[in-house]
Amino acid sequence: MGNRGGSERWLENSEARMAMFSWLAWYNNRRRHSALGHISPVEFERRSINSGSLNLVV
């Protein structure tokens, strides 16, 4: 994925699409969020579904 600063340029739309989906996969699956207790959004959602409640860090 490389630079997340927005300065990348692609020759084909398919290259841009792949970069976007790669970033989205990182954002939702690996990025840790302090308001979610330093877990990824996907892990937070999984835990919330299994427990039947939402527990946000305040």
Protein backbone atom coordinates (compact mmCIF):
# COMPACT_ATOMS: atom_id res chain seq x y z
CA MET A 1 0.00 0.00 0.00
CA GLY A 2 2.83 2.36 0.69
CA ASN A 3 2.01 6.02 1.17
CA ARG A 4 -1.29 6.79 2.91
CA GLY A 5 -0.79 10.52 2.33
CA GLY A 6 -2.84 10.69 -0.85
CA SER A 7 0.00 11.51 -3.25
CA GLU A 8 -0.07 8.22 -5.18
CA ARG A 9 -1.08 8.21 -8.83
CA TRP A 10 -2.28 5.24 -10.83
CA LEU A 11 -2.26 4.59 -14.54
CA GLU A 12 -5.41 2.46 -14.53
CA ASN A 13 -8.68 2.66 -12.64
CA SER A 14 -8.15 -0.97 -11.58
CA GLU A 15 -4.89 0.03 -9.83
CA ALA A 16 -6.67 2.78 -7.90
CA ARG A 17 -9.52 0.40 -7.02
CA MET A 18 -7.07 -2.21 -5.67
CA ALA A 19 -5.25 0.43 -3.61
CA MET A 20 -8.56 1.61 -2.18
CA PHE A 21 -9.69 -1.91 -1.23
CA SER A 22 -6.29 -2.63 0.27
CA TRP A 23 -6.55 0.51 2.41
CA LEU A 24 -10.11 -0.37 3.47
CA ALA A 25 -8.99 -3.86 4.50
CA TRP A 26 -6.22 -2.34 6.63
CA TYR A 27 -8.56 0.30 8.07
CA ASN A 28 -11.27 -2.14 9.14
CA ASN A 29 -9.19 -5.19 10.09
CA ARG A 30 -5.86 -3.99 11.48
CA ARG A 31 -6.18 -0.36 12.58
CA ARG A 32 -6.61 0.01 16.33
CA HIS A 33 -9.03 2.62 17.62
CA SER A 34 -8.81 4.14 21.12
CA ALA A 35 -12.60 4.63 21.44
CA LEU A 36 -13.03 0.90 20.79
CA GLY A 37 -10.62 -0.17 23.51
CA HIS A 38 -7.63 -0.33 21.14
CA ILE A 39 -9.08 -3.09 18.97
CA SER A 40 -9.96 -3.03 15.27
CA PRO A 41 -13.45 -2.08 14.10
CA VAL A 42 -14.00 -5.63 12.82
CA GLU A 43 -12.96 -7.16 16.16
CA PHE A 44 -15.16 -4.67 18.04
CA GLU A 45 -18.15 -5.58 15.90
CA ARG A 46 -17.49 -9.31 16.35
CA ARG A 47 -17.29 -8.93 20.13
CA SER A 48 -20.40 -6.73 20.22
CA ILE A 49 -22.43 -9.27 18.25
CA ASN A 50 -21.26 -12.13 20.48
CA SER A 51 -21.96 -10.25 23.72
CA GLY A 52 -25.21 -8.62 22.58
CA SER A 53 -24.13 -5.13 23.74
CA LEU A 54 -21.94 -2.21 22.71
CA ASN A 55 -19.23 -1.11 25.15
CA LEU A 56 -17.48 2.05 23.95
CA VAL A 57 -14.54 3.48 25.89
CA VAL A 58 -15.31 6.99 27.14
